[in-house]
Amino acid sequence: MITTFRTLTAAGAASLALIGGAALTGSTATADDGATKMPARPAQKALVSTCNGGPSLGLFYRSMDFQSVASGTTTDVEGSQWQVKGPKKGTDTVLVTLTAMASSGGAGELTSVSFYKDGVGTSEGTKYFTYNNVLDQASVSFCTKIPKGNHTLTLRVSDGGGGATTLYFPTVSYQRFS
């Protein structure tokens, strides 16, 4: 009976692996043993798919004790402003990350973060940071290109109302790639 149970278990695991493998490859088998592609997924904007422009040129970061964001307001993340000079030619890539223990002020409240380059919001828009008055580890990343010249990079946090958002030990990092 143990042998039968092991045989059945092994056969079941192999079947699941085959089914899972077919699901991961993105194709389905047809009666004539040809493969057809699965229907395309609806277009979705990637949050940050990749952010690598080449070798890393350096990492700059700041950490603070805490920051409170009043209910229903938007403010710069303390310590997030960075004055950076672009390359002499071409562009460099910058990966910006904010991490903190964070708590939104009320039930059903959403706290979000936006990234600004030279006072203008970047194409990645606003991203979810924390939700629902629960203290949790929150993190968000943005990617941008910086061309020749001087630039100001800043993160802004928006409290959704209902109560203040608190960021405990927020750390902002800027990693630059050539």
N, C-alpha and C. Protein backbone atom coordinates (compact mmCIF):
# COMPACT_ATOMS: atom_id res chain seq x y z
N MET A 1 0.82 -1.19 0.00
CA MET A 1 0.00 0.00 0.00
C MET A 1 0.85 1.25 0.00
N ILE A 2 1.97 1.25 0.69
CA ILE A 2 2.86 2.40 0.69
C ILE A 2 3.42 2.61 -0.70
N THR A 3 3.81 1.52 -1.38
CA THR A 3 4.34 1.64 -2.73
C THR A 3 3.29 2.27 -3.64
N THR A 4 2.04 1.82 -3.54
CA THR A 4 0.97 2.37 -4.36
C THR A 4 0.77 3.85 -4.06
N PHE A 5 0.77 4.22 -2.79
CA PHE A 5 0.61 5.62 -2.41
C PHE A 5 1.74 6.47 -2.98
N ARG A 6 3.00 5.96 -2.86
CA ARG A 6 4.15 6.70 -3.41
C ARG A 6 4.05 6.82 -4.91
N THR A 7 3.63 5.74 -5.59
CA THR A 7 3.49 5.77 -7.03
C THR A 7 2.44 6.79 -7.44
N LEU A 8 1.30 6.79 -6.75
CA LEU A 8 0.25 7.75 -7.06
C LEU A 8 0.71 9.17 -6.78
N THR A 9 1.42 9.37 -5.68
CA THR A 9 1.92 10.70 -5.34
C THR A 9 2.91 11.18 -6.38
N ALA A 10 3.82 10.32 -6.81
CA ALA A 10 4.80 10.69 -7.82
C ALA A 10 4.11 11.01 -9.14
N ALA A 11 3.13 10.21 -9.52
CA ALA A 11 2.40 10.45 -10.76
C ALA A 11 1.62 11.76 -10.68
N GLY A 12 1.02 12.03 -9.53
CA GLY A 12 0.29 13.28 -9.35
C GLY A 12 1.21 14.48 -9.42
N ALA A 13 2.36 14.38 -8.78
CA ALA A 13 3.33 15.49 -8.81
C ALA A 13 3.83 15.72 -10.22
N ALA A 14 4.09 14.65 -10.96
CA ALA A 14 4.55 14.79 -12.34
C ALA A 14 3.48 15.44 -13.20
N SER A 15 2.23 15.07 -12.99
CA SER A 15 1.13 15.67 -13.74
C SER A 15 1.02 17.15 -13.44
N LEU A 16 1.12 17.51 -12.17
CA LEU A 16 1.07 18.92 -11.80
C LEU A 16 2.23 19.69 -12.39
N ALA A 17 3.41 19.08 -12.42
CA ALA A 17 4.57 19.74 -12.99
C ALA A 17 4.36 19.98 -14.48
N LEU A 18 3.81 18.98 -15.17
CA LEU A 18 3.55 19.15 -16.60
C LEU A 18 2.50 20.22 -16.85
N ILE A 19 1.44 20.21 -16.05
CA ILE A 19 0.39 21.23 -16.21
C ILE A 19 0.96 22.60 -15.90
N GLY A 20 1.71 22.71 -14.82
CA GLY A 20 2.31 23.98 -14.44
C GLY A 20 3.29 24.45 -15.49
N GLY A 21 4.08 23.52 -16.05
CA GLY A 21 5.04 23.88 -17.10
C GLY A 21 4.34 24.40 -18.32
N ALA A 22 3.22 23.79 -18.71
CA ALA A 22 2.47 24.27 -19.87
C ALA A 22 1.92 25.66 -19.60
N ALA A 23 1.47 25.89 -18.37
CA ALA A 23 0.93 27.20 -18.04
C ALA A 23 2.01 28.27 -18.07
N LEU A 24 3.22 27.92 -17.68
CA LEU A 24 4.30 28.89 -17.65
C LEU A 24 4.85 29.20 -19.02
N THR A 25 4.76 28.26 -19.96
CA THR A 25 5.34 28.51 -21.28
C THR A 25 4.49 29.43 -22.12
N GLY A 26 3.24 29.60 -21.81
CA GLY A 26 2.39 30.52 -22.56
C GLY A 26 1.84 29.91 -23.83
N SER A 27 1.82 28.60 -23.95
CA SER A 27 1.24 27.98 -25.14
C SER A 27 0.36 26.83 -24.70
N THR A 28 -0.55 26.46 -25.59
CA THR A 28 -1.43 25.33 -25.31
C THR A 28 -1.32 24.35 -26.45
N ALA A 29 -1.52 23.08 -26.16
CA ALA A 29 -1.45 22.06 -27.20
C ALA A 29 -2.79 21.96 -27.90
N THR A 30 -2.76 21.68 -29.20
CA THR A 30 -3.99 21.47 -29.96
C THR A 30 -4.03 20.02 -30.41
N ALA A 31 -5.15 19.60 -30.96
CA ALA A 31 -5.33 18.21 -31.36
C ALA A 31 -4.30 17.77 -32.39
N ASP A 32 -3.80 18.69 -33.22
CA ASP A 32 -2.83 18.30 -34.23
C ASP A 32 -1.38 18.46 -33.74
N ASP A 33 -1.20 18.50 -32.41
CA ASP A 33 0.11 18.62 -31.76
C ASP A 33 0.84 19.92 -32.11
N GLY A 34 0.16 20.88 -32.69
CA GLY A 34 0.76 22.20 -32.92
C GLY A 34 0.57 23.02 -31.66
N ALA A 35 1.33 24.05 -31.53
CA ALA A 35 1.21 24.92 -30.35
C ALA A 35 0.65 26.27 -30.80
N THR A 36 -0.28 26.76 -30.04
CA THR A 36 -0.83 28.09 -30.31
C THR A 36 -0.58 28.96 -29.09
N LYS A 37 -0.43 30.24 -29.32
CA LYS A 37 -0.18 31.16 -28.21
C LYS A 37 -1.48 31.45 -27.48
N MET A 38 -1.34 31.70 -26.19
CA MET A 38 -2.49 32.09 -25.39
C MET A 38 -2.90 33.50 -25.80
N PRO A 39 -4.15 33.87 -25.58
CA PRO A 39 -4.59 35.21 -25.94
C PRO A 39 -3.76 36.26 -25.20
N ALA A 40 -3.54 37.38 -25.86
CA ALA A 40 -2.75 38.45 -25.25
C ALA A 40 -3.47 39.00 -24.04
N ARG A 41 -2.71 39.37 -23.03
CA ARG A 41 -3.28 40.01 -21.84
C ARG A 41 -3.60 41.45 -22.18
N PRO A 42 -4.54 42.05 -21.46
CA PRO A 42 -4.81 43.46 -21.67
C PRO A 42 -3.56 44.28 -21.38
N ALA A 43 -3.38 45.36 -22.11
CA ALA A 43 -2.20 46.21 -21.93
C ALA A 43 -2.19 46.77 -20.51
N GLN A 44 -1.07 46.66 -19.85
CA GLN A 44 -0.91 47.21 -18.51
C GLN A 44 0.39 47.98 -18.47
N LYS A 45 0.38 49.09 -17.77
CA LYS A 45 1.58 49.88 -17.61
C LYS A 45 2.45 49.25 -16.54
N ALA A 46 3.69 48.93 -16.87
CA ALA A 46 4.60 48.35 -15.91
C ALA A 46 5.00 49.39 -14.88
N LEU A 47 5.11 48.97 -13.62
CA LEU A 47 5.53 49.91 -12.58
C LEU A 47 7.00 50.25 -12.75
N VAL A 48 7.87 49.32 -12.64
CA VAL A 48 9.28 49.47 -12.99
C VAL A 48 9.71 48.10 -13.47
N SER A 49 9.86 47.93 -14.79
CA SER A 49 10.23 46.62 -15.29
C SER A 49 11.74 46.43 -15.18
N THR A 50 12.50 47.36 -15.64
CA THR A 50 13.95 47.32 -15.47
C THR A 50 14.43 48.74 -15.29
N CYS A 51 15.54 48.88 -14.64
CA CYS A 51 16.11 50.20 -14.44
C CYS A 51 17.61 50.03 -14.41
N ASN A 52 18.19 49.81 -15.57
CA ASN A 52 19.62 49.60 -15.65
C ASN A 52 20.13 50.27 -16.90
N GLY A 53 20.99 51.22 -16.73
CA GLY A 53 21.56 51.91 -17.87
C GLY A 53 22.99 51.52 -18.11
N GLY A 54 23.52 50.59 -17.37
CA GLY A 54 24.91 50.20 -17.50
C GLY A 54 25.53 50.04 -16.13
N PRO A 55 26.84 50.22 -16.05
CA PRO A 55 27.52 50.06 -14.76
C PRO A 55 27.03 51.09 -13.74
N SER A 56 26.99 50.68 -12.49
CA SER A 56 26.57 51.58 -11.42
C SER A 56 27.64 52.65 -11.21
N LEU A 57 27.21 53.90 -11.14
CA LEU A 57 28.13 55.01 -10.89
C LEU A 57 28.17 55.38 -9.43
N GLY A 58 27.19 54.93 -8.67
CA GLY A 58 27.18 55.24 -7.25
C GLY A 58 25.80 55.14 -6.64
N LEU A 59 25.80 55.19 -5.32
CA LEU A 59 24.56 55.12 -4.55
C LEU A 59 24.58 56.24 -3.53
N PHE A 60 23.48 56.98 -3.48
CA PHE A 60 23.32 58.08 -2.55
C PHE A 60 22.06 57.79 -1.75
N TYR A 61 22.11 57.89 -0.42
CA TYR A 61 20.90 57.65 0.36
C TYR A 61 20.88 58.50 1.61
N ARG A 62 19.65 58.69 2.12
CA ARG A 62 19.42 59.42 3.36
C ARG A 62 18.39 58.65 4.17
N SER A 63 18.58 58.63 5.49
CA SER A 63 17.61 58.03 6.40
C SER A 63 17.21 59.07 7.44
N MET A 64 15.96 59.04 7.84
CA MET A 64 15.44 59.95 8.84
C MET A 64 14.80 59.12 9.96
N ASP A 65 14.42 59.79 11.07
CA ASP A 65 13.77 59.10 12.18
C ASP A 65 12.30 58.80 11.86
N PHE A 66 11.53 59.84 11.53
CA PHE A 66 10.13 59.65 11.17
C PHE A 66 9.62 60.92 10.50
N GLN A 67 8.49 60.78 9.83
CA GLN A 67 7.81 61.93 9.21
C GLN A 67 6.32 61.69 9.31
N SER A 68 5.60 62.72 9.72
CA SER A 68 4.15 62.66 9.78
C SER A 68 3.59 63.52 8.65
N VAL A 69 2.61 62.98 7.93
CA VAL A 69 1.97 63.69 6.83
C VAL A 69 0.52 63.93 7.23
N ALA A 70 0.14 65.20 7.34
CA ALA A 70 -1.20 65.56 7.79
C ALA A 70 -2.27 64.97 6.88
N SER A 71 -3.41 64.67 7.45
CA SER A 71 -4.54 64.08 6.74
C SER A 71 -4.91 64.88 5.50
N GLY A 72 -5.00 64.18 4.36
CA GLY A 72 -5.45 64.80 3.12
C GLY A 72 -4.45 65.72 2.45
N THR A 73 -3.18 65.69 2.85
CA THR A 73 -2.19 66.59 2.27
C THR A 73 -1.14 65.84 1.46
N THR A 74 -0.38 66.60 0.68
CA THR A 74 0.76 66.08 -0.08
C THR A 74 1.97 66.92 0.30
N THR A 75 3.08 66.26 0.58
CA THR A 75 4.29 66.96 0.97
C THR A 75 5.51 66.20 0.46
N ASP A 76 6.64 66.91 0.35
CA ASP A 76 7.89 66.25 -0.03
C ASP A 76 8.30 65.29 1.08
N VAL A 77 8.86 64.16 0.69
CA VAL A 77 9.44 63.25 1.66
C VAL A 77 10.72 63.92 2.15
N GLU A 78 10.82 64.10 3.46
CA GLU A 78 11.99 64.77 4.03
C GLU A 78 13.27 64.05 3.61
N GLY A 79 14.24 64.83 3.17
CA GLY A 79 15.52 64.27 2.77
C GLY A 79 15.53 63.66 1.38
N SER A 80 14.42 63.75 0.65
CA SER A 80 14.39 63.11 -0.66
C SER A 80 14.90 64.00 -1.79
N GLN A 81 15.03 65.29 -1.54
CA GLN A 81 15.47 66.17 -2.63
C GLN A 81 16.96 65.96 -2.90
N TRP A 82 17.28 65.76 -4.18
CA TRP A 82 18.66 65.55 -4.59
C TRP A 82 18.95 66.41 -5.80
N GLN A 83 19.98 67.22 -5.69
CA GLN A 83 20.46 68.02 -6.81
C GLN A 83 21.52 67.19 -7.52
N VAL A 84 21.31 66.91 -8.80
CA VAL A 84 22.23 66.04 -9.53
C VAL A 84 22.58 66.69 -10.87
N LYS A 85 23.82 66.54 -11.25
CA LYS A 85 24.29 67.04 -12.54
C LYS A 85 24.29 65.87 -13.51
N GLY A 86 23.66 66.08 -14.66
CA GLY A 86 23.60 65.04 -15.68
C GLY A 86 24.94 64.81 -16.35
N PRO A 87 25.03 63.79 -17.20
CA PRO A 87 26.29 63.48 -17.88
C PRO A 87 26.62 64.54 -18.94
N LYS A 88 27.86 64.56 -19.39
CA LYS A 88 28.28 65.53 -20.42
C LYS A 88 27.57 65.27 -21.74
N LYS A 89 27.30 63.99 -22.03
CA LYS A 89 26.52 63.67 -23.23
C LYS A 89 25.71 62.41 -22.97
N GLY A 90 24.63 62.27 -23.69
CA GLY A 90 23.73 61.12 -23.48
C GLY A 90 22.90 61.28 -22.22
N THR A 91 22.50 60.16 -21.65
CA THR A 91 21.70 60.17 -20.42
C THR A 91 22.23 59.13 -19.45
N ASP A 92 22.00 59.37 -18.19
CA ASP A 92 22.24 58.38 -17.14
C ASP A 92 20.87 57.93 -16.63
N THR A 93 20.83 56.77 -16.01
CA THR A 93 19.61 56.23 -15.44
C THR A 93 19.71 56.31 -13.92
N VAL A 94 18.60 56.70 -13.27
CA VAL A 94 18.56 56.77 -11.82
C VAL A 94 17.39 55.94 -11.31
N LEU A 95 17.69 55.03 -10.37
CA LEU A 95 16.68 54.25 -9.68
C LEU A 95 16.48 54.88 -8.31
N VAL A 96 15.24 55.27 -8.01
CA VAL A 96 14.90 55.94 -6.75
C VAL A 96 14.01 55.00 -5.95
N THR A 97 14.37 54.76 -4.69
CA THR A 97 13.59 53.86 -3.84
C THR A 97 13.33 54.51 -2.49
N LEU A 98 12.08 54.41 -2.04
CA LEU A 98 11.69 54.86 -0.70
C LEU A 98 11.23 53.63 0.07
N THR A 99 11.81 53.40 1.24
CA THR A 99 11.36 52.33 2.12
C THR A 99 11.14 52.91 3.51
N ALA A 100 10.14 52.39 4.21
CA ALA A 100 9.84 52.84 5.57
C ALA A 100 8.87 51.87 6.21
N MET A 101 8.85 51.87 7.53
CA MET A 101 7.73 51.29 8.26
C MET A 101 6.69 52.39 8.20
N ALA A 102 5.50 52.10 7.73
CA ALA A 102 4.52 53.16 7.50
C ALA A 102 3.14 52.74 7.96
N SER A 103 2.35 53.76 8.31
CA SER A 103 0.98 53.53 8.73
C SER A 103 0.11 54.66 8.20
N SER A 104 -0.94 54.30 7.44
CA SER A 104 -1.93 55.28 7.01
C SER A 104 -2.79 55.62 8.21
N GLY A 105 -3.41 56.78 8.18
CA GLY A 105 -4.12 57.27 9.35
C GLY A 105 -5.48 56.68 9.63
N GLY A 106 -6.15 56.05 8.69
CA GLY A 106 -7.50 55.57 8.97
C GLY A 106 -7.88 54.35 8.16
N ALA A 107 -8.99 53.75 8.53
CA ALA A 107 -9.49 52.58 7.83
C ALA A 107 -9.86 52.96 6.40
N GLY A 108 -9.41 52.19 5.45
CA GLY A 108 -9.71 52.44 4.05
C GLY A 108 -8.90 53.57 3.44
N GLU A 109 -7.91 54.05 4.15
CA GLU A 109 -7.11 55.17 3.65
C GLU A 109 -5.90 54.67 2.87
N LEU A 110 -5.64 55.32 1.76
CA LEU A 110 -4.53 54.97 0.89
C LEU A 110 -3.48 56.08 0.95
N THR A 111 -2.23 55.69 1.13
CA THR A 111 -1.11 56.63 1.06
C THR A 111 -0.32 56.28 -0.19
N SER A 112 0.03 57.30 -0.97
CA SER A 112 0.75 57.07 -2.22
C SER A 112 1.97 57.98 -2.31
N VAL A 113 2.87 57.63 -3.24
CA VAL A 113 4.10 58.38 -3.45
C VAL A 113 4.23 58.68 -4.94
N SER A 114 4.71 59.90 -5.25
CA SER A 114 4.99 60.31 -6.63
C SER A 114 6.44 60.77 -6.71
N PHE A 115 7.02 60.66 -7.89
CA PHE A 115 8.40 61.07 -8.12
C PHE A 115 8.42 62.25 -9.09
N TYR A 116 9.17 63.28 -8.72
CA TYR A 116 9.24 64.49 -9.54
C TYR A 116 10.68 64.75 -9.96
N LYS A 117 10.83 65.10 -11.24
CA LYS A 117 12.12 65.51 -11.79
C LYS A 117 11.95 66.94 -12.29
N ASP A 118 12.72 67.85 -11.73
CA ASP A 118 12.66 69.26 -12.09
C ASP A 118 11.25 69.83 -11.93
N GLY A 119 10.55 69.40 -10.86
CA GLY A 119 9.23 69.92 -10.53
C GLY A 119 8.08 69.32 -11.32
N VAL A 120 8.36 68.37 -12.19
CA VAL A 120 7.32 67.75 -13.03
C VAL A 120 7.23 66.26 -12.69
N GLY A 121 6.02 65.76 -12.50
CA GLY A 121 5.83 64.34 -12.22
C GLY A 121 6.33 63.48 -13.36
N THR A 122 6.93 62.35 -13.04
CA THR A 122 7.46 61.46 -14.07
C THR A 122 6.35 60.58 -14.65
N SER A 123 6.67 59.90 -15.73
CA SER A 123 5.68 59.09 -16.45
C SER A 123 5.19 57.88 -15.65
N GLU A 124 5.89 57.50 -14.60
CA GLU A 124 5.45 56.36 -13.79
C GLU A 124 4.27 56.72 -12.89
N GLY A 125 3.98 58.01 -12.77
CA GLY A 125 2.80 58.43 -12.02
C GLY A 125 2.92 58.22 -10.53
N THR A 126 1.77 58.05 -9.89
CA THR A 126 1.67 57.88 -8.45
C THR A 126 1.57 56.39 -8.14
N LYS A 127 2.27 55.96 -7.09
CA LYS A 127 2.27 54.54 -6.73
C LYS A 127 1.79 54.35 -5.30
N TYR A 128 1.09 53.25 -5.08
CA TYR A 128 0.60 52.85 -3.76
C TYR A 128 1.79 52.68 -2.82
N PHE A 129 1.63 53.16 -1.59
CA PHE A 129 2.70 53.01 -0.60
C PHE A 129 2.23 52.21 0.61
N THR A 130 1.14 52.63 1.24
CA THR A 130 0.60 51.88 2.38
C THR A 130 -0.90 52.14 2.47
N TYR A 131 -1.61 51.29 3.21
CA TYR A 131 -3.07 51.32 3.22
C TYR A 131 -3.62 50.88 4.56
N ASN A 132 -4.68 51.55 5.00
CA ASN A 132 -5.58 51.01 6.01
C ASN A 132 -5.10 50.98 7.46
N ASN A 133 -4.40 51.99 7.92
CA ASN A 133 -4.06 52.12 9.33
C ASN A 133 -3.34 50.89 9.91
N VAL A 134 -2.57 50.19 9.09
CA VAL A 134 -1.80 49.05 9.55
C VAL A 134 -0.32 49.38 9.39
N LEU A 135 0.44 49.23 10.45
CA LEU A 135 1.88 49.47 10.38
C LEU A 135 2.52 48.32 9.62
N ASP A 136 3.16 48.64 8.49
CA ASP A 136 3.81 47.60 7.70
C ASP A 136 5.03 48.16 7.00
N GLN A 137 5.86 47.25 6.48
CA GLN A 137 7.04 47.64 5.71
C GLN A 137 6.56 48.06 4.33
N ALA A 138 6.81 49.30 3.97
CA ALA A 138 6.37 49.81 2.68
C ALA A 138 7.59 50.17 1.83
N SER A 139 7.47 49.97 0.53
CA SER A 139 8.57 50.28 -0.37
C SER A 139 8.00 50.61 -1.75
N VAL A 140 8.63 51.57 -2.42
CA VAL A 140 8.23 51.94 -3.76
C VAL A 140 9.48 52.38 -4.52
N SER A 141 9.53 52.09 -5.83
CA SER A 141 10.69 52.47 -6.66
C SER A 141 10.23 53.18 -7.92
N PHE A 142 11.07 54.07 -8.39
CA PHE A 142 10.85 54.81 -9.63
C PHE A 142 12.15 54.79 -10.43
N CYS A 143 12.03 54.94 -11.73
CA CYS A 143 13.19 54.95 -12.61
C CYS A 143 13.08 56.15 -13.55
N THR A 144 14.19 56.84 -13.77
CA THR A 144 14.17 57.99 -14.67
C THR A 144 15.51 58.12 -15.38
N LYS A 145 15.50 58.82 -16.49
CA LYS A 145 16.72 59.17 -17.23
C LYS A 145 17.03 60.62 -16.92
N ILE A 146 18.30 60.93 -16.74
CA ILE A 146 18.70 62.32 -16.56
C ILE A 146 19.66 62.70 -17.67
N PRO A 147 19.31 63.75 -18.42
CA PRO A 147 20.19 64.22 -19.50
C PRO A 147 21.19 65.25 -18.96
N LYS A 148 21.93 65.82 -19.86
CA LYS A 148 22.91 66.87 -19.56
C LYS A 148 22.24 68.01 -18.79
N GLY A 149 22.98 68.62 -17.87
CA GLY A 149 22.46 69.76 -17.12
C GLY A 149 22.23 69.42 -15.66
N ASN A 150 21.74 70.41 -14.92
CA ASN A 150 21.45 70.24 -13.50
C ASN A 150 19.98 69.88 -13.31
N HIS A 151 19.72 68.97 -12.39
CA HIS A 151 18.37 68.48 -12.16
C HIS A 151 18.08 68.36 -10.68
N THR A 152 16.79 68.50 -10.33
CA THR A 152 16.33 68.32 -8.96
C THR A 152 15.37 67.14 -8.94
N LEU A 153 15.66 66.16 -8.11
CA LEU A 153 14.81 64.98 -7.97
C LEU A 153 14.19 65.00 -6.59
N THR A 154 12.87 64.69 -6.51
CA THR A 154 12.14 64.75 -5.24
C THR A 154 11.04 63.70 -5.22
N LEU A 155 10.79 63.13 -4.06
CA LEU A 155 9.64 62.26 -3.83
C LEU A 155 8.60 63.02 -3.03
N ARG A 156 7.32 62.81 -3.36
CA ARG A 156 6.22 63.42 -2.62
C ARG A 156 5.26 62.33 -2.15
N VAL A 157 4.83 62.46 -0.91
CA VAL A 157 3.91 61.50 -0.32
C VAL A 157 2.55 62.16 -0.14
N SER A 158 1.48 61.43 -0.46
CA SER A 158 0.11 61.94 -0.36
C SER A 158 -0.70 61.08 0.60
N ASP A 159 -1.30 61.73 1.61
CA ASP A 159 -2.17 61.05 2.55
C ASP A 159 -3.59 61.12 2.00
N GLY A 160 -4.31 60.00 2.04
CA GLY A 160 -5.64 59.92 1.46
C GLY A 160 -6.76 60.52 2.29
N GLY A 161 -6.47 61.06 3.46
CA GLY A 161 -7.51 61.63 4.31
C GLY A 161 -7.94 60.65 5.38
N GLY A 162 -8.61 61.15 6.38
CA GLY A 162 -9.08 60.30 7.47
C GLY A 162 -8.19 60.33 8.68
N GLY A 163 -6.93 60.53 8.50
CA GLY A 163 -5.96 60.60 9.60
C GLY A 163 -4.58 60.75 9.02
N ALA A 164 -3.63 61.16 9.81
CA ALA A 164 -2.27 61.39 9.34
C ALA A 164 -1.56 60.08 9.00
N THR A 165 -0.67 60.13 8.03
CA THR A 165 0.21 59.01 7.71
C THR A 165 1.52 59.24 8.42
N THR A 166 2.09 58.17 8.96
CA THR A 166 3.39 58.28 9.62
C THR A 166 4.36 57.34 8.93
N LEU A 167 5.55 57.87 8.61
CA LEU A 167 6.65 57.09 8.05
C LEU A 167 7.72 56.98 9.14
N TYR A 168 8.01 55.76 9.57
CA TYR A 168 9.03 55.52 10.57
C TYR A 168 10.31 55.06 9.88
N PHE A 169 11.41 55.70 10.18
CA PHE A 169 12.72 55.39 9.63
C PHE A 169 12.70 55.35 8.10
N PRO A 170 12.13 56.38 7.44
CA PRO A 170 12.13 56.39 5.97
C PRO A 170 13.55 56.53 5.43
N THR A 171 13.85 55.75 4.42
CA THR A 171 15.15 55.81 3.74
C THR A 171 14.90 56.01 2.26
N VAL A 172 15.55 57.03 1.71
CA VAL A 172 15.47 57.32 0.28
C VAL A 172 16.83 57.00 -0.32
N SER A 173 16.83 56.20 -1.38
CA SER A 173 18.10 55.91 -2.06
C SER A 173 18.01 56.24 -3.53
N TYR A 174 19.10 56.76 -4.06
CA TYR A 174 19.24 57.08 -5.48
C TYR A 174 20.44 56.29 -5.99
N GLN A 175 20.20 55.35 -6.88
CA GLN A 175 21.30 54.62 -7.50
C GLN A 175 21.41 55.07 -8.95
N ARG A 176 22.62 55.47 -9.32
CA ARG A 176 22.84 56.03 -10.66
C ARG A 176 23.64 55.06 -11.51
N PHE A 177 23.19 54.89 -12.75
CA PHE A 177 23.85 54.02 -13.73
C PHE A 177 24.26 54.86 -14.93
N SER A 178 25.40 54.52 -15.54
CA SER A 178 25.86 55.26 -16.72
C SER A 178 25.13 54.80 -17.96
